[in-house]
Amino acid sequence: MTIRILIVDDHPMVAQGIQAILESYDDIEVVGTLNNGQDAVDQVVALAPDVILLDLNMPRLSGLAATEMILEKRPETLIVILSMHDSPEYISTALSHGACGYILKDVPTDSIRQAIDAVLAGEQYLCTGARGSLRPKISGGREPLTSREQTILLELAQGKSNKEVAQNLNISVRTVETHRNNIKGKLGISSTAGLTRYALEHGVLQGTGI
């Protein structure tokens, strides 16, 4: 049985390299390579991939938002995040949004095949680096952030406006404002600068270049 794979990454060399690796297997067919999350959402039904290898940070629509929207349109598709970000916030948030696996971009090439086989067998797959980074979160007695709040914190901590976050996550500006206030309340933080400082101190921005 042929395994249908869709690659979604805005770095052409990365996408081409992964495609070359996967096409060396007789039982894998790469049904497409796309460079943004919105195209993946728009084409997932037509392409009908069994597994999507999906980058997190992409133009038009983030990988997290794309994951949710793809699974709404085609729930049987399995999503494996392929990312350079190894902070626990990125990993846990991706999994909470419905991803079945998480691979760092510097893994050995055979790890990609291992991830595909694992998720098709109904298992969750984390590469060694991702497993090492993922630790139980200690809230220090505070109410923990929801997965959506974690996602919005990632966006806000990168300096994005409420409008930009709303566009990236396909939600209303008012919803972003509500989540933003809830995040501040839970963390005991009153300013945007405080949110950014919290994100830096807790590794949220690790690997983003900020």
N, C-alpha and C. Protein backbone atom coordinates (compact mmCIF):
# COMPACT_ATOMS: atom_id res chain seq x y z
N MET A 1 0.84 -1.19 0.00
CA MET A 1 0.00 0.00 0.00
C MET A 1 0.88 1.25 0.00
N THR A 2 0.65 2.15 -0.93
CA THR A 2 1.46 3.36 -1.05
C THR A 2 1.06 4.39 0.01
N ILE A 3 2.06 4.98 0.65
CA ILE A 3 1.84 6.01 1.66
C ILE A 3 1.94 7.37 0.98
N ARG A 4 0.89 8.16 1.10
CA ARG A 4 0.84 9.46 0.44
C ARG A 4 1.31 10.55 1.42
N ILE A 5 2.35 11.27 1.03
CA ILE A 5 2.96 12.28 1.90
C ILE A 5 2.88 13.65 1.25
N LEU A 6 2.49 14.64 2.06
CA LEU A 6 2.51 16.04 1.64
C LEU A 6 3.54 16.78 2.49
N ILE A 7 4.43 17.54 1.84
CA ILE A 7 5.46 18.31 2.54
C ILE A 7 5.08 19.79 2.48
N VAL A 8 5.05 20.44 3.64
CA VAL A 8 4.68 21.85 3.69
C VAL A 8 5.78 22.61 4.45
N ASP A 9 6.60 23.35 3.72
CA ASP A 9 7.72 24.08 4.31
C ASP A 9 8.07 25.23 3.39
N ASP A 10 8.28 26.42 3.97
CA ASP A 10 8.55 27.58 3.12
C ASP A 10 10.02 27.72 2.74
N HIS A 11 10.85 26.74 3.09
CA HIS A 11 12.25 26.74 2.66
C HIS A 11 12.41 25.68 1.56
N PRO A 12 12.56 26.11 0.30
CA PRO A 12 12.59 25.17 -0.82
C PRO A 12 13.65 24.08 -0.68
N MET A 13 14.82 24.42 -0.19
CA MET A 13 15.88 23.42 -0.07
C MET A 13 15.51 22.34 0.94
N VAL A 14 14.85 22.75 2.02
CA VAL A 14 14.41 21.77 3.02
C VAL A 14 13.38 20.84 2.41
N ALA A 15 12.38 21.42 1.76
CA ALA A 15 11.32 20.62 1.15
C ALA A 15 11.87 19.67 0.10
N GLN A 16 12.77 20.16 -0.74
CA GLN A 16 13.35 19.32 -1.79
C GLN A 16 14.20 18.20 -1.20
N GLY A 17 14.93 18.51 -0.13
CA GLY A 17 15.75 17.49 0.51
C GLY A 17 14.91 16.38 1.11
N ILE A 18 13.82 16.75 1.78
CA ILE A 18 12.92 15.75 2.37
C ILE A 18 12.26 14.93 1.27
N GLN A 19 11.87 15.60 0.20
CA GLN A 19 11.24 14.88 -0.91
C GLN A 19 12.19 13.85 -1.50
N ALA A 20 13.44 14.21 -1.67
CA ALA A 20 14.43 13.28 -2.22
C ALA A 20 14.60 12.07 -1.31
N ILE A 21 14.61 12.32 0.00
CA ILE A 21 14.75 11.22 0.96
C ILE A 21 13.56 10.28 0.86
N LEU A 22 12.36 10.84 0.87
CA LEU A 22 11.16 10.01 0.89
C LEU A 22 10.95 9.26 -0.42
N GLU A 23 11.33 9.87 -1.53
CA GLU A 23 11.13 9.20 -2.83
C GLU A 23 12.10 8.06 -3.05
N SER A 24 13.06 7.87 -2.13
CA SER A 24 13.95 6.72 -2.22
C SER A 24 13.27 5.44 -1.71
N TYR A 25 12.10 5.60 -1.08
CA TYR A 25 11.33 4.45 -0.59
C TYR A 25 10.28 4.06 -1.63
N ASP A 26 10.19 2.79 -1.93
CA ASP A 26 9.26 2.32 -2.95
C ASP A 26 7.80 2.48 -2.55
N ASP A 27 7.54 2.49 -1.24
CA ASP A 27 6.14 2.51 -0.79
C ASP A 27 5.66 3.91 -0.41
N ILE A 28 6.43 4.94 -0.75
CA ILE A 28 6.04 6.32 -0.42
C ILE A 28 5.88 7.14 -1.70
N GLU A 29 4.79 7.89 -1.76
CA GLU A 29 4.56 8.83 -2.85
C GLU A 29 4.41 10.23 -2.27
N VAL A 30 5.24 11.16 -2.72
CA VAL A 30 5.11 12.56 -2.31
C VAL A 30 4.09 13.21 -3.23
N VAL A 31 2.92 13.53 -2.68
CA VAL A 31 1.82 14.04 -3.51
C VAL A 31 1.91 15.54 -3.74
N GLY A 32 2.83 16.21 -3.03
CA GLY A 32 2.99 17.64 -3.25
C GLY A 32 3.95 18.25 -2.26
N THR A 33 4.50 19.42 -2.64
CA THR A 33 5.30 20.23 -1.73
C THR A 33 4.73 21.65 -1.79
N LEU A 34 4.32 22.17 -0.65
CA LEU A 34 3.72 23.49 -0.57
C LEU A 34 4.55 24.37 0.35
N ASN A 35 4.42 25.69 0.19
CA ASN A 35 5.29 26.59 0.96
C ASN A 35 4.55 27.45 1.98
N ASN A 36 3.26 27.16 2.22
CA ASN A 36 2.56 27.90 3.28
C ASN A 36 1.37 27.10 3.78
N GLY A 37 0.96 27.45 5.00
CA GLY A 37 -0.11 26.70 5.65
C GLY A 37 -1.46 26.84 4.98
N GLN A 38 -1.75 28.00 4.42
CA GLN A 38 -3.05 28.20 3.80
C GLN A 38 -3.25 27.29 2.59
N ASP A 39 -2.20 27.12 1.77
CA ASP A 39 -2.31 26.22 0.63
C ASP A 39 -2.54 24.78 1.08
N ALA A 40 -1.94 24.41 2.20
CA ALA A 40 -2.15 23.06 2.73
C ALA A 40 -3.60 22.86 3.12
N VAL A 41 -4.19 23.86 3.76
CA VAL A 41 -5.60 23.78 4.14
C VAL A 41 -6.48 23.69 2.89
N ASP A 42 -6.16 24.52 1.90
CA ASP A 42 -6.98 24.58 0.69
C ASP A 42 -6.90 23.30 -0.15
N GLN A 43 -5.76 22.62 -0.11
CA GLN A 43 -5.54 21.49 -1.02
C GLN A 43 -5.56 20.14 -0.35
N VAL A 44 -5.76 20.07 0.97
CA VAL A 44 -5.65 18.79 1.66
C VAL A 44 -6.68 17.77 1.19
N VAL A 45 -7.89 18.22 0.89
CA VAL A 45 -8.92 17.27 0.44
C VAL A 45 -8.56 16.71 -0.94
N ALA A 46 -8.15 17.58 -1.85
CA ALA A 46 -7.81 17.15 -3.20
C ALA A 46 -6.59 16.24 -3.23
N LEU A 47 -5.58 16.58 -2.43
CA LEU A 47 -4.34 15.79 -2.43
C LEU A 47 -4.46 14.51 -1.61
N ALA A 48 -5.34 14.51 -0.63
CA ALA A 48 -5.63 13.34 0.21
C ALA A 48 -4.37 12.66 0.76
N PRO A 49 -3.53 13.39 1.45
CA PRO A 49 -2.32 12.77 2.01
C PRO A 49 -2.64 11.91 3.23
N ASP A 50 -1.88 10.85 3.41
CA ASP A 50 -1.98 10.07 4.64
C ASP A 50 -1.27 10.79 5.77
N VAL A 51 -0.12 11.40 5.45
CA VAL A 51 0.69 12.11 6.44
C VAL A 51 1.16 13.44 5.85
N ILE A 52 1.11 14.49 6.67
CA ILE A 52 1.66 15.78 6.28
C ILE A 52 2.86 16.08 7.16
N LEU A 53 3.98 16.42 6.54
CA LEU A 53 5.15 16.92 7.26
C LEU A 53 5.06 18.44 7.20
N LEU A 54 4.84 19.08 8.35
CA LEU A 54 4.42 20.48 8.38
C LEU A 54 5.36 21.33 9.22
N ASP A 55 5.87 22.40 8.61
CA ASP A 55 6.69 23.36 9.35
C ASP A 55 5.78 24.22 10.22
N LEU A 56 6.36 24.82 11.29
CA LEU A 56 5.57 25.67 12.18
C LEU A 56 5.46 27.10 11.69
N ASN A 57 6.58 27.72 11.38
CA ASN A 57 6.60 29.14 11.03
C ASN A 57 6.59 29.32 9.52
N MET A 58 5.43 29.71 9.00
CA MET A 58 5.28 29.87 7.56
C MET A 58 4.45 31.12 7.26
N PRO A 59 4.57 31.64 6.05
CA PRO A 59 3.75 32.80 5.68
C PRO A 59 2.29 32.43 5.50
N ARG A 60 1.44 33.43 5.56
CA ARG A 60 0.00 33.34 5.34
C ARG A 60 -0.75 32.65 6.48
N LEU A 61 -0.27 31.50 6.93
CA LEU A 61 -0.96 30.78 8.00
C LEU A 61 0.06 29.94 8.74
N SER A 62 0.11 30.09 10.05
CA SER A 62 1.10 29.35 10.84
C SER A 62 0.81 27.85 10.83
N GLY A 63 1.82 27.07 11.16
CA GLY A 63 1.65 25.63 11.21
C GLY A 63 0.63 25.19 12.24
N LEU A 64 0.57 25.90 13.38
CA LEU A 64 -0.39 25.54 14.41
C LEU A 64 -1.82 25.75 13.94
N ALA A 65 -2.08 26.92 13.36
CA ALA A 65 -3.42 27.20 12.85
C ALA A 65 -3.77 26.25 11.71
N ALA A 66 -2.79 25.98 10.85
CA ALA A 66 -3.02 25.07 9.73
C ALA A 66 -3.36 23.67 10.22
N THR A 67 -2.70 23.23 11.29
CA THR A 67 -2.98 21.90 11.84
C THR A 67 -4.44 21.77 12.22
N GLU A 68 -4.94 22.75 12.96
CA GLU A 68 -6.34 22.70 13.38
C GLU A 68 -7.30 22.69 12.20
N MET A 69 -7.03 23.54 11.21
CA MET A 69 -7.94 23.67 10.07
C MET A 69 -7.87 22.45 9.16
N ILE A 70 -6.68 21.88 9.01
CA ILE A 70 -6.54 20.67 8.19
C ILE A 70 -7.33 19.52 8.81
N LEU A 71 -7.22 19.37 10.12
CA LEU A 71 -7.90 18.27 10.79
C LEU A 71 -9.41 18.45 10.80
N GLU A 72 -9.86 19.70 10.74
CA GLU A 72 -11.30 19.94 10.61
C GLU A 72 -11.80 19.49 9.24
N LYS A 73 -11.00 19.73 8.20
CA LYS A 73 -11.41 19.39 6.83
C LYS A 73 -11.19 17.92 6.51
N ARG A 74 -10.11 17.34 7.06
CA ARG A 74 -9.79 15.94 6.75
C ARG A 74 -9.19 15.27 7.99
N PRO A 75 -10.04 14.83 8.92
CA PRO A 75 -9.58 14.32 10.22
C PRO A 75 -8.66 13.10 10.13
N GLU A 76 -8.78 12.34 9.04
CA GLU A 76 -7.96 11.12 8.93
C GLU A 76 -6.50 11.40 8.58
N THR A 77 -6.20 12.62 8.16
CA THR A 77 -4.81 12.98 7.85
C THR A 77 -4.01 13.08 9.15
N LEU A 78 -2.81 12.53 9.13
CA LEU A 78 -1.91 12.57 10.28
C LEU A 78 -0.87 13.66 10.05
N ILE A 79 -0.60 14.45 11.08
CA ILE A 79 0.32 15.59 10.92
C ILE A 79 1.54 15.40 11.81
N VAL A 80 2.71 15.50 11.18
CA VAL A 80 3.98 15.46 11.90
C VAL A 80 4.64 16.82 11.72
N ILE A 81 4.91 17.49 12.81
CA ILE A 81 5.57 18.79 12.76
C ILE A 81 7.06 18.57 12.52
N LEU A 82 7.60 19.31 11.57
CA LEU A 82 9.03 19.27 11.27
C LEU A 82 9.55 20.68 11.50
N SER A 83 10.34 20.88 12.57
CA SER A 83 10.66 22.24 12.99
C SER A 83 12.07 22.33 13.56
N MET A 84 12.58 23.56 13.61
CA MET A 84 13.87 23.79 14.25
C MET A 84 13.68 24.16 15.73
N HIS A 85 12.44 24.37 16.16
CA HIS A 85 12.17 24.82 17.52
C HIS A 85 12.09 23.63 18.47
N ASP A 86 12.92 23.62 19.50
CA ASP A 86 12.92 22.50 20.44
C ASP A 86 12.45 22.89 21.84
N SER A 87 11.86 24.09 21.99
CA SER A 87 11.39 24.48 23.32
C SER A 87 10.14 23.67 23.66
N PRO A 88 9.95 23.33 24.94
CA PRO A 88 8.80 22.52 25.33
C PRO A 88 7.47 23.19 24.99
N GLU A 89 7.43 24.53 25.01
CA GLU A 89 6.18 25.23 24.68
C GLU A 89 5.75 24.94 23.25
N TYR A 90 6.71 24.98 22.33
CA TYR A 90 6.39 24.68 20.93
C TYR A 90 5.89 23.25 20.79
N ILE A 91 6.60 22.32 21.40
CA ILE A 91 6.28 20.90 21.23
C ILE A 91 4.92 20.57 21.82
N SER A 92 4.70 20.97 23.08
CA SER A 92 3.43 20.63 23.73
C SER A 92 2.25 21.33 23.05
N THR A 93 2.47 22.55 22.58
CA THR A 93 1.38 23.26 21.90
C THR A 93 1.04 22.58 20.58
N ALA A 94 2.05 22.15 19.84
CA ALA A 94 1.80 21.46 18.57
C ALA A 94 1.01 20.18 18.80
N LEU A 95 1.39 19.43 19.82
CA LEU A 95 0.69 18.17 20.11
C LEU A 95 -0.74 18.44 20.56
N SER A 96 -0.92 19.50 21.36
CA SER A 96 -2.28 19.81 21.83
C SER A 96 -3.18 20.28 20.70
N HIS A 97 -2.60 20.78 19.62
CA HIS A 97 -3.39 21.21 18.46
C HIS A 97 -3.74 20.05 17.53
N GLY A 98 -3.23 18.87 17.82
CA GLY A 98 -3.61 17.70 17.02
C GLY A 98 -2.50 17.02 16.27
N ALA A 99 -1.27 17.54 16.33
CA ALA A 99 -0.16 16.87 15.66
C ALA A 99 0.11 15.52 16.32
N CYS A 100 0.49 14.55 15.52
CA CYS A 100 0.79 13.21 16.03
C CYS A 100 2.28 13.01 16.30
N GLY A 101 3.10 13.89 15.74
CA GLY A 101 4.53 13.73 15.91
C GLY A 101 5.25 15.05 15.81
N TYR A 102 6.50 15.06 16.27
CA TYR A 102 7.30 16.28 16.25
C TYR A 102 8.75 15.88 16.01
N ILE A 103 9.33 16.40 14.91
CA ILE A 103 10.72 16.09 14.55
C ILE A 103 11.49 17.39 14.41
N LEU A 104 12.70 17.41 14.94
CA LEU A 104 13.57 18.56 14.74
C LEU A 104 14.28 18.41 13.39
N LYS A 105 14.56 19.53 12.76
CA LYS A 105 15.08 19.50 11.39
C LYS A 105 16.51 18.96 11.28
N ASP A 106 17.19 18.84 12.42
CA ASP A 106 18.56 18.32 12.35
C ASP A 106 18.65 16.83 12.66
N VAL A 107 17.50 16.12 12.62
CA VAL A 107 17.52 14.70 12.93
C VAL A 107 18.12 13.90 11.78
N PRO A 108 18.62 12.69 12.04
CA PRO A 108 19.06 11.81 10.95
C PRO A 108 17.89 11.54 10.01
N THR A 109 18.21 11.33 8.75
CA THR A 109 17.15 11.19 7.74
C THR A 109 16.23 10.00 8.01
N ASP A 110 16.75 8.93 8.63
CA ASP A 110 15.88 7.78 8.87
C ASP A 110 14.83 8.05 9.93
N SER A 111 15.00 9.13 10.72
CA SER A 111 14.00 9.47 11.73
C SER A 111 12.69 9.92 11.08
N ILE A 112 12.78 10.51 9.90
CA ILE A 112 11.56 10.93 9.20
C ILE A 112 10.73 9.71 8.84
N ARG A 113 11.39 8.67 8.34
CA ARG A 113 10.67 7.44 8.01
C ARG A 113 10.11 6.78 9.27
N GLN A 114 10.88 6.79 10.35
CA GLN A 114 10.42 6.23 11.61
C GLN A 114 9.17 6.95 12.10
N ALA A 115 9.17 8.27 11.96
CA ALA A 115 8.01 9.05 12.40
C ALA A 115 6.77 8.70 11.58
N ILE A 116 6.94 8.59 10.28
CA ILE A 116 5.81 8.25 9.40
C ILE A 116 5.24 6.88 9.78
N ASP A 117 6.10 5.91 9.96
CA ASP A 117 5.63 4.56 10.31
C ASP A 117 4.95 4.55 11.67
N ALA A 118 5.50 5.32 12.61
CA ALA A 118 4.93 5.33 13.96
C ALA A 118 3.52 5.92 13.98
N VAL A 119 3.34 7.07 13.34
CA VAL A 119 2.01 7.70 13.39
C VAL A 119 0.99 6.89 12.60
N LEU A 120 1.42 6.24 11.53
CA LEU A 120 0.50 5.38 10.78
C LEU A 120 0.08 4.17 11.60
N ALA A 121 0.92 3.79 12.56
CA ALA A 121 0.60 2.67 13.45
C ALA A 121 -0.22 3.12 14.65
N GLY A 122 -0.58 4.42 14.67
CA GLY A 122 -1.40 4.93 15.75
C GLY A 122 -0.63 5.40 16.96
N GLU A 123 0.68 5.58 16.81
CA GLU A 123 1.51 6.01 17.92
C GLU A 123 1.88 7.48 17.79
N GLN A 124 2.22 8.09 18.90
CA GLN A 124 2.77 9.44 18.88
C GLN A 124 4.28 9.32 18.72
N TYR A 125 4.88 10.19 17.89
CA TYR A 125 6.32 10.12 17.67
C TYR A 125 6.99 11.44 18.02
N LEU A 126 7.97 11.37 18.90
CA LEU A 126 8.82 12.52 19.21
C LEU A 126 10.26 12.09 18.98
N CYS A 127 11.01 12.87 18.21
CA CYS A 127 12.41 12.55 18.01
C CYS A 127 13.15 12.69 19.35
N THR A 128 14.36 12.19 19.41
CA THR A 128 15.10 12.18 20.66
C THR A 128 15.24 13.58 21.25
N GLY A 129 15.56 14.57 20.41
CA GLY A 129 15.72 15.94 20.90
C GLY A 129 14.43 16.52 21.46
N ALA A 130 13.31 16.20 20.81
CA ALA A 130 12.02 16.70 21.29
C ALA A 130 11.64 16.04 22.60
N ARG A 131 11.88 14.74 22.72
CA ARG A 131 11.58 14.05 23.98
C ARG A 131 12.40 14.63 25.12
N GLY A 132 13.66 14.97 24.83
CA GLY A 132 14.52 15.53 25.86
C GLY A 132 14.08 16.90 26.32
N SER A 133 13.48 17.67 25.40
CA SER A 133 13.06 19.02 25.74
C SER A 133 11.73 19.05 26.49
N LEU A 134 10.89 18.06 26.22
CA LEU A 134 9.54 18.09 26.78
C LEU A 134 9.57 17.63 28.22
N ARG A 135 9.22 18.54 29.10
CA ARG A 135 9.20 18.25 30.54
C ARG A 135 7.84 18.69 31.09
N PRO A 136 7.37 18.03 32.14
CA PRO A 136 6.11 18.49 32.74
C PRO A 136 6.23 19.95 33.17
N LYS A 137 5.25 20.75 32.84
CA LYS A 137 5.29 22.17 33.19
C LYS A 137 4.93 22.35 34.66
N ILE A 138 5.66 23.22 35.32
CA ILE A 138 5.39 23.56 36.71
C ILE A 138 4.79 24.95 36.74
N SER A 139 3.56 25.06 37.17
CA SER A 139 2.87 26.34 37.09
C SER A 139 3.09 27.21 38.32
N GLY A 140 3.74 26.66 39.35
CA GLY A 140 4.00 27.44 40.55
C GLY A 140 2.72 27.86 41.26
N GLY A 141 1.68 27.01 41.15
CA GLY A 141 0.43 27.30 41.83
C GLY A 141 -0.53 28.09 40.97
N ARG A 142 -0.09 28.63 39.84
CA ARG A 142 -0.97 29.38 38.96
C ARG A 142 -1.81 28.42 38.12
N GLU A 143 -2.93 28.93 37.67
CA GLU A 143 -3.74 28.17 36.72
C GLU A 143 -2.97 28.06 35.41
N PRO A 144 -2.80 26.84 34.85
CA PRO A 144 -2.00 26.70 33.64
C PRO A 144 -2.68 27.32 32.43
N LEU A 145 -1.89 27.74 31.46
CA LEU A 145 -2.43 28.28 30.23
C LEU A 145 -3.03 27.16 29.40
N THR A 146 -4.14 27.46 28.72
CA THR A 146 -4.70 26.50 27.77
C THR A 146 -3.82 26.44 26.54
N SER A 147 -4.07 25.45 25.69
CA SER A 147 -3.26 25.32 24.46
C SER A 147 -3.42 26.55 23.57
N ARG A 148 -4.63 27.09 23.50
CA ARG A 148 -4.85 28.28 22.68
C ARG A 148 -4.11 29.48 23.26
N GLU A 149 -4.13 29.61 24.59
CA GLU A 149 -3.42 30.70 25.23
C GLU A 149 -1.91 30.57 25.02
N GLN A 150 -1.39 29.35 25.06
CA GLN A 150 0.03 29.14 24.78
C GLN A 150 0.37 29.59 23.37
N THR A 151 -0.49 29.25 22.43
CA THR A 151 -0.27 29.64 21.04
C THR A 151 -0.24 31.16 20.90
N ILE A 152 -1.19 31.83 21.53
CA ILE A 152 -1.27 33.29 21.43
C ILE A 152 -0.09 33.93 22.13
N LEU A 153 0.36 33.36 23.25
CA LEU A 153 1.55 33.88 23.92
C LEU A 153 2.76 33.82 23.00
N LEU A 154 2.92 32.71 22.27
CA LEU A 154 4.02 32.60 21.32
C LEU A 154 3.98 33.72 20.29
N GLU A 155 2.79 34.00 19.80
CA GLU A 155 2.62 35.04 18.78
C GLU A 155 2.90 36.43 19.35
N LEU A 156 2.31 36.72 20.50
CA LEU A 156 2.46 38.04 21.11
C LEU A 156 3.91 38.31 21.52
N ALA A 157 4.57 37.25 22.01
CA ALA A 157 5.94 37.42 22.49
C ALA A 157 6.91 37.72 21.35
N GLN A 158 6.49 37.45 20.11
CA GLN A 158 7.31 37.78 18.95
C GLN A 158 7.02 39.18 18.44
N GLY A 159 6.25 39.95 19.20
CA GLY A 159 6.00 41.34 18.86
C GLY A 159 4.85 41.56 17.90
N LYS A 160 4.02 40.55 17.68
CA LYS A 160 2.91 40.70 16.74
C LYS A 160 1.75 41.44 17.41
N SER A 161 1.05 42.22 16.62
CA SER A 161 -0.11 42.96 17.12
C SER A 161 -1.30 42.02 17.25
N ASN A 162 -2.34 42.49 17.96
CA ASN A 162 -3.55 41.68 18.08
C ASN A 162 -4.12 41.35 16.70
N LYS A 163 -4.07 42.31 15.79
CA LYS A 163 -4.61 42.10 14.45
C LYS A 163 -3.81 41.03 13.70
N GLU A 164 -2.48 41.08 13.82
CA GLU A 164 -1.64 40.09 13.15
C GLU A 164 -1.87 38.70 13.72
N VAL A 165 -2.01 38.60 15.04
CA VAL A 165 -2.28 37.30 15.67
C VAL A 165 -3.62 36.76 15.19
N ALA A 166 -4.62 37.65 15.14
CA ALA A 166 -5.95 37.23 14.69
C ALA A 166 -5.91 36.69 13.26
N GLN A 167 -5.15 37.36 12.39
CA GLN A 167 -5.04 36.91 11.01
C GLN A 167 -4.30 35.57 10.92
N ASN A 168 -3.22 35.42 11.69
CA ASN A 168 -2.44 34.18 11.66
C ASN A 168 -3.24 32.99 12.15
N LEU A 169 -4.08 33.20 13.16
CA LEU A 169 -4.82 32.09 13.78
C LEU A 169 -6.26 31.99 13.29
N ASN A 170 -6.63 32.90 12.38
CA ASN A 170 -7.97 32.88 11.80
C ASN A 170 -9.07 33.03 12.86
N ILE A 171 -8.84 33.96 13.78
CA ILE A 171 -9.82 34.28 14.81
C ILE A 171 -10.02 35.80 14.83
N SER A 172 -10.99 36.27 15.61
CA SER A 172 -11.27 37.70 15.64
C SER A 172 -10.29 38.43 16.55
N VAL A 173 -10.13 39.73 16.31
CA VAL A 173 -9.27 40.56 17.16
C VAL A 173 -9.80 40.56 18.59
N ARG A 174 -11.12 40.59 18.74
CA ARG A 174 -11.70 40.60 20.08
C ARG A 174 -11.34 39.31 20.83
N THR A 175 -11.33 38.19 20.13
CA THR A 175 -10.96 36.93 20.77
C THR A 175 -9.51 36.97 21.23
N VAL A 176 -8.64 37.55 20.40
CA VAL A 176 -7.23 37.69 20.79
C VAL A 176 -7.12 38.55 22.04
N GLU A 177 -7.85 39.65 22.07
CA GLU A 177 -7.80 40.54 23.23
C GLU A 177 -8.25 39.83 24.50
N THR A 178 -9.29 39.02 24.37
CA THR A 178 -9.79 38.27 25.53
C THR A 178 -8.73 37.30 26.03
N HIS A 179 -8.14 36.54 25.10
CA HIS A 179 -7.09 35.60 25.49
C HIS A 179 -5.89 36.33 26.11
N ARG A 180 -5.56 37.46 25.52
CA ARG A 180 -4.41 38.24 26.02
C ARG A 180 -4.63 38.66 27.48
N ASN A 181 -5.83 39.12 27.78
CA ASN A 181 -6.15 39.51 29.14
C ASN A 181 -6.13 38.32 30.09
N ASN A 182 -6.62 37.17 29.61
CA ASN A 182 -6.60 35.96 30.43
C ASN A 182 -5.18 35.52 30.73
N ILE A 183 -4.31 35.61 29.71
CA ILE A 183 -2.91 35.22 29.89
C ILE A 183 -2.25 36.12 30.94
N LYS A 184 -2.47 37.42 30.81
CA LYS A 184 -1.88 38.36 31.78
C LYS A 184 -2.37 38.06 33.19
N GLY A 185 -3.67 37.75 33.30
CA GLY A 185 -4.23 37.47 34.61
C GLY A 185 -3.64 36.21 35.24
N LYS A 186 -3.51 35.15 34.43
CA LYS A 186 -2.99 33.88 34.94
C LYS A 186 -1.52 34.00 35.33
N LEU A 187 -0.76 34.78 34.56
CA LEU A 187 0.67 34.89 34.81
C LEU A 187 1.01 36.03 35.77
N GLY A 188 0.02 36.85 36.10
CA GLY A 188 0.27 37.97 36.98
C GLY A 188 1.13 39.03 36.32
N ILE A 189 0.93 39.21 35.01
CA ILE A 189 1.73 40.16 34.23
C ILE A 189 0.80 41.25 33.69
N SER A 190 1.24 42.49 33.77
CA SER A 190 0.35 43.59 33.39
C SER A 190 0.70 44.25 32.06
N SER A 191 1.87 43.93 31.49
CA SER A 191 2.30 44.63 30.27
C SER A 191 2.75 43.65 29.20
N THR A 192 2.77 44.14 27.95
CA THR A 192 3.27 43.33 26.84
C THR A 192 4.75 43.03 27.01
N ALA A 193 5.49 44.03 27.52
CA ALA A 193 6.92 43.80 27.77
C ALA A 193 7.12 42.68 28.78
N GLY A 194 6.22 42.61 29.76
CA GLY A 194 6.29 41.54 30.75
C GLY A 194 6.03 40.18 30.13
N LEU A 195 5.11 40.11 29.18
CA LEU A 195 4.85 38.85 28.47
C LEU A 195 6.08 38.41 27.70
N THR A 196 6.72 39.36 27.03
CA THR A 196 7.93 39.03 26.27
C THR A 196 9.03 38.55 27.20
N ARG A 197 9.20 39.21 28.33
CA ARG A 197 10.22 38.80 29.29
C ARG A 197 9.93 37.39 29.82
N TYR A 198 8.66 37.13 30.13
CA TYR A 198 8.27 35.79 30.59
C TYR A 198 8.61 34.75 29.53
N ALA A 199 8.30 35.07 28.26
CA ALA A 199 8.56 34.14 27.17
C ALA A 199 10.05 33.85 27.04
N LEU A 200 10.88 34.88 27.18
CA LEU A 200 12.32 34.70 27.10
C LEU A 200 12.84 33.83 28.24
N GLU A 201 12.34 34.10 29.44
CA GLU A 201 12.82 33.38 30.62
C GLU A 201 12.38 31.92 30.63
N HIS A 202 11.27 31.61 29.96
CA HIS A 202 10.74 30.24 29.97
C HIS A 202 10.98 29.51 28.65
N GLY A 203 11.84 30.05 27.80
CA GLY A 203 12.22 29.34 26.58
C GLY A 203 11.22 29.36 25.46
N VAL A 204 10.17 30.19 25.59
CA VAL A 204 9.13 30.23 24.56
C VAL A 204 9.70 30.70 23.22
N LEU A 205 10.66 31.64 23.27
CA LEU A 205 11.20 32.23 22.05
C LEU A 205 12.47 31.54 21.59
N GLN A 206 12.84 30.44 22.22
CA GLN A 206 14.06 29.74 21.82
C GLN A 206 13.99 29.33 20.36
N GLY A 207 14.99 29.67 19.58
CA GLY A 207 15.05 29.28 18.19
C GLY A 207 14.34 30.22 17.24
N THR A 208 13.72 31.29 17.77
CA THR A 208 13.01 32.21 16.86
C THR A 208 13.90 33.32 16.38
N GLY A 209 15.09 33.47 16.97
CA GLY A 209 15.99 34.53 16.57
C GLY A 209 15.75 35.82 17.32
N ILE A 210 14.81 35.78 18.29
CA ILE A 210 14.49 36.99 19.07
C ILE A 210 15.27 36.95 20.39
